[in-house]
């Protein structure tokens, strides 16, 4: 006999749709929900709905925000001469945690991947180009060090080459505390090529 509780199975199925959550993790989370006080689950449900209702894309940089334009774009203390180009809004959160970068951002909405149908037209490249009048002096390409990220950076560098804006790429290579002996060949080659 197949034992089923419909509402529990529905919760497990929906949790398993989340990225990085398999069937077993979804099941553990569902049983955690069963043990949690109703008020806490109501707060979680409220937070999920609030994110869907209130968070949108900034019309300038395409970062996630509740106010349009976003806090970074309207902040007068940000350096408006530099734009850091990243693939996703999650990259902005990571960079902002460092408290090192004070310029603006531009979120592409992905990376080039022709096999998956992601061409330059599907990314926010045209919108980036429209931001390059006036104050902007430097574009930092901070795409991921993947094949798609590298292809995107190369493409953008070519597009931006004759615009009159300095184009730089974030450094790649050995991490702090890393050991050369254990570095893979690609990382070591990038570290040597990008030496300063």
Protein backbone atom coordinates (compact mmCIF):
# COMPACT_ATOMS: atom_id res chain seq x y z
CA UNK A 1 0.00 0.00 0.00
CA UNK A 2 1.35 3.43 -0.96
CA UNK A 3 1.17 5.77 2.05
CA UNK A 4 0.38 9.36 1.04
CA UNK A 5 -0.58 12.59 2.72
CA UNK A 6 -1.56 14.92 -0.11
CA UNK A 7 -0.69 18.28 1.47
CA UNK A 8 2.69 16.98 2.67
CA UNK A 9 3.49 15.47 -0.73
CA UNK A 10 2.48 18.73 -2.41
CA UNK A 11 4.85 20.65 -0.12
CA UNK A 12 7.69 18.19 -0.84
CA UNK A 13 7.09 18.44 -4.60
CA UNK A 14 7.15 22.24 -4.50
CA UNK A 15 10.24 22.44 -2.29
CA UNK A 16 12.05 20.03 -4.64
CA UNK A 17 11.51 22.55 -7.48
CA UNK A 18 13.86 25.01 -5.74
CA UNK A 19 17.45 25.09 -7.07
CA UNK A 20 19.83 22.88 -5.12
CA UNK A 21 17.00 21.10 -3.29
CA UNK A 22 16.62 17.42 -4.11
CA UNK A 23 13.78 15.12 -3.09
CA UNK A 24 15.45 14.07 0.20
CA UNK A 25 16.24 17.64 1.27
CA UNK A 26 12.72 18.69 0.30
CA UNK A 27 11.35 15.90 2.50
CA UNK A 28 13.54 16.99 5.46
CA UNK A 29 12.39 20.60 5.02
CA UNK A 30 8.75 19.54 4.83
CA UNK A 31 9.04 17.60 8.09
CA UNK A 32 10.79 20.62 9.64
CA UNK A 33 7.78 22.71 8.61
CA UNK A 34 5.49 20.21 10.37
CA UNK A 35 7.45 20.62 13.62
CA UNK A 36 7.63 24.42 13.43
CA UNK A 37 5.09 26.68 15.14
CA UNK A 38 2.30 27.92 12.88
CA UNK A 39 3.25 31.57 13.54
CA UNK A 40 6.79 31.00 12.21
CA UNK A 41 5.45 29.32 9.07
CA UNK A 42 2.99 32.20 8.62
CA UNK A 43 5.93 34.65 8.82
CA UNK A 44 7.83 32.61 6.23
CA UNK A 45 4.81 32.56 3.91
CA UNK A 46 4.36 36.31 4.43
CA UNK A 47 8.04 36.94 3.59
CA UNK A 48 7.79 34.82 0.42
CA UNK A 49 4.73 36.74 -0.75
CA UNK A 50 6.30 40.10 0.14
CA UNK A 51 9.33 39.30 -2.02
CA UNK A 52 7.09 38.42 -4.97
CA UNK A 53 4.90 41.49 -4.46
CA UNK A 54 7.54 44.13 -3.66
CA UNK A 55 10.87 43.23 -5.28
CA UNK A 56 11.37 44.34 -8.87
CA UNK A 57 14.15 45.14 -11.29
CA UNK A 58 15.83 48.58 -11.25
CA UNK A 59 15.08 50.38 -14.53
CA UNK A 60 18.67 51.72 -14.64
CA UNK A 61 21.03 48.89 -13.61
CA UNK A 62 18.60 45.91 -13.43
CA UNK A 63 19.53 45.11 -9.84
CA UNK A 64 16.78 43.85 -7.57
CA UNK A 65 15.08 46.56 -5.56
CA UNK A 66 11.90 47.67 -3.84
CA UNK A 67 12.38 51.26 -5.05
CA UNK A 68 13.02 52.24 -8.65
CA UNK A 69 15.73 53.36 -9.29
CA UNK A 70 17.57 51.27 -6.71
CA UNK A 71 19.43 52.61 -3.67
CA UNK A 72 22.82 52.18 -5.36
CA UNK A 73 21.84 54.11 -8.50
CA UNK A 74 20.47 57.09 -6.52
CA UNK A 75 23.17 57.17 -3.84
CA UNK A 76 25.09 60.47 -4.30
CA UNK A 77 28.18 58.97 -2.61
CA UNK A 78 28.63 56.29 -5.28
CA UNK A 79 31.31 56.88 -7.92
CA UNK A 80 29.32 57.48 -11.11
CA UNK A 81 32.44 57.20 -13.28
CA UNK A 82 32.72 53.40 -12.83
CA UNK A 83 30.24 50.67 -13.74
CA UNK A 84 30.86 47.08 -12.67
CA UNK A 85 29.16 44.65 -15.08
CA UNK A 86 27.98 41.39 -13.52
CA UNK A 87 25.86 38.47 -14.69
CA UNK A 88 23.23 38.34 -11.93
CA UNK A 89 21.88 40.48 -9.08
CA UNK A 90 23.28 37.95 -6.60
CA UNK A 91 26.77 39.02 -7.74
CA UNK A 92 26.03 42.58 -6.56
CA UNK A 93 25.20 41.31 -3.07
CA UNK A 94 28.50 39.40 -2.96
CA UNK A 95 30.58 42.39 -4.11
CA UNK A 96 28.76 44.80 -1.78
CA UNK A 97 29.58 42.58 1.22
CA UNK A 98 33.25 43.39 0.68
CA UNK A 99 32.75 47.14 1.31
CA UNK A 100 35.54 47.83 -1.22
CA UNK A 101 33.73 48.88 -4.39
CA UNK A 102 31.98 52.27 -4.48
CA UNK A 103 30.91 52.56 -8.13
CA UNK A 104 27.68 51.63 -9.93
CA UNK A 105 26.57 48.27 -11.35
CA UNK A 106 24.98 46.86 -14.45
CA UNK A 107 23.35 43.42 -14.34
CA UNK A 108 23.34 41.60 -17.67
CA UNK A 109 20.78 38.99 -16.69
CA UNK A 110 23.00 36.04 -17.52
CA UNK A 111 25.98 35.11 -19.68
CA UNK A 112 26.34 34.25 -23.35
CA UNK A 113 25.44 30.65 -24.05
CA UNK A 114 24.38 30.11 -27.67
CA UNK A 115 23.68 26.42 -27.04
CA UNK A 116 21.09 27.45 -24.44
CA UNK A 117 19.70 30.22 -26.64
CA UNK A 118 21.32 33.08 -24.69
CA UNK A 119 22.61 35.47 -27.33
CA UNK A 120 23.74 39.11 -26.88
CA UNK A 121 20.20 40.26 -27.68
CA UNK A 122 18.88 38.37 -24.63
CA UNK A 123 21.29 40.16 -22.28
CA UNK A 124 21.13 43.80 -21.16
CA UNK A 125 24.01 44.87 -23.46
CA UNK A 126 22.08 47.57 -25.33
CA UNK A 127 21.02 49.06 -22.00
CA UNK A 128 24.64 49.10 -20.85
CA UNK A 129 25.69 50.97 -23.98
CA UNK A 130 22.95 53.55 -23.41
CA UNK A 131 24.45 54.33 -19.96
CA UNK A 132 27.88 55.22 -21.33
CA UNK A 133 27.34 58.87 -22.10
CA UNK A 134 28.81 61.57 -19.92
CA UNK A 135 30.43 60.65 -16.62
CA UNK A 136 31.37 56.97 -17.16
CA UNK A 137 35.13 56.51 -17.51
CA UNK A 138 35.60 52.81 -16.69
CA UNK A 139 33.71 49.56 -17.14
CA UNK A 140 34.79 46.66 -14.92
CA UNK A 141 33.87 43.28 -16.41
CA UNK A 142 33.11 41.02 -13.45
CA UNK A 143 31.58 38.02 -15.16
CA UNK A 144 32.14 34.57 -13.71
CA UNK A 145 35.31 32.62 -14.63
CA UNK A 146 33.30 30.04 -16.59
CA UNK A 147 33.34 29.41 -20.32
CA UNK A 148 30.14 31.45 -20.67
CA UNK A 149 31.42 34.23 -18.40
CA UNK A 150 34.70 34.47 -20.29
CA UNK A 151 32.88 34.53 -23.64
CA UNK A 152 30.64 37.30 -22.32
CA UNK A 153 33.62 39.35 -21.10
CA UNK A 154 35.41 38.94 -24.44
CA UNK A 155 32.28 39.95 -26.34
CA UNK A 156 31.72 43.02 -24.15
CA UNK A 157 35.37 44.05 -24.43
CA UNK A 158 35.05 44.00 -28.24
CA UNK A 159 31.78 45.95 -28.18
CA UNK A 160 33.19 48.55 -25.77
CA UNK A 161 36.60 48.82 -27.47
CA UNK A 162 35.89 51.92 -29.56
CA UNK A 163 33.52 53.72 -27.20
CA UNK A 164 36.24 55.71 -25.44
CA UNK A 165 35.73 54.09 -22.04
CA UNK A 166 38.45 52.19 -20.17
CA UNK A 167 37.52 48.49 -19.97
CA UNK A 168 39.05 46.34 -17.21
CA UNK A 169 38.50 42.77 -16.04
CA UNK A 170 38.53 41.57 -12.46
CA UNK A 171 41.72 39.69 -11.61
CA UNK A 172 41.78 35.90 -11.68
CA UNK A 173 44.28 33.51 -10.23
CA UNK A 174 45.37 31.98 -6.94
CA UNK A 175 43.24 32.66 -3.88
CA UNK A 176 44.76 34.12 -0.70
CA UNK A 177 46.11 31.27 1.40
CA UNK A 178 46.21 28.98 -1.63
CA UNK A 179 49.11 26.65 -2.31
CA UNK A 180 50.68 26.66 -5.78
CA UNK A 181 51.29 22.92 -5.53
CA UNK A 182 47.55 22.24 -5.33
CA UNK A 183 46.36 24.82 -7.88
CA UNK A 184 44.84 23.51 -11.09
CA UNK A 185 46.65 24.34 -14.33
CA UNK A 186 44.05 26.84 -15.61
CA UNK A 187 44.05 28.82 -12.34
CA UNK A 188 47.84 28.86 -12.21
CA UNK A 189 48.07 29.95 -15.86
CA UNK A 190 45.61 32.80 -15.19
CA UNK A 191 47.59 33.84 -12.11
CA UNK A 192 50.80 34.07 -14.13
CA UNK A 193 49.12 35.83 -17.05
CA UNK A 194 47.44 38.38 -14.73
CA UNK A 195 50.45 39.10 -12.56
CA UNK A 196 51.11 42.70 -11.52
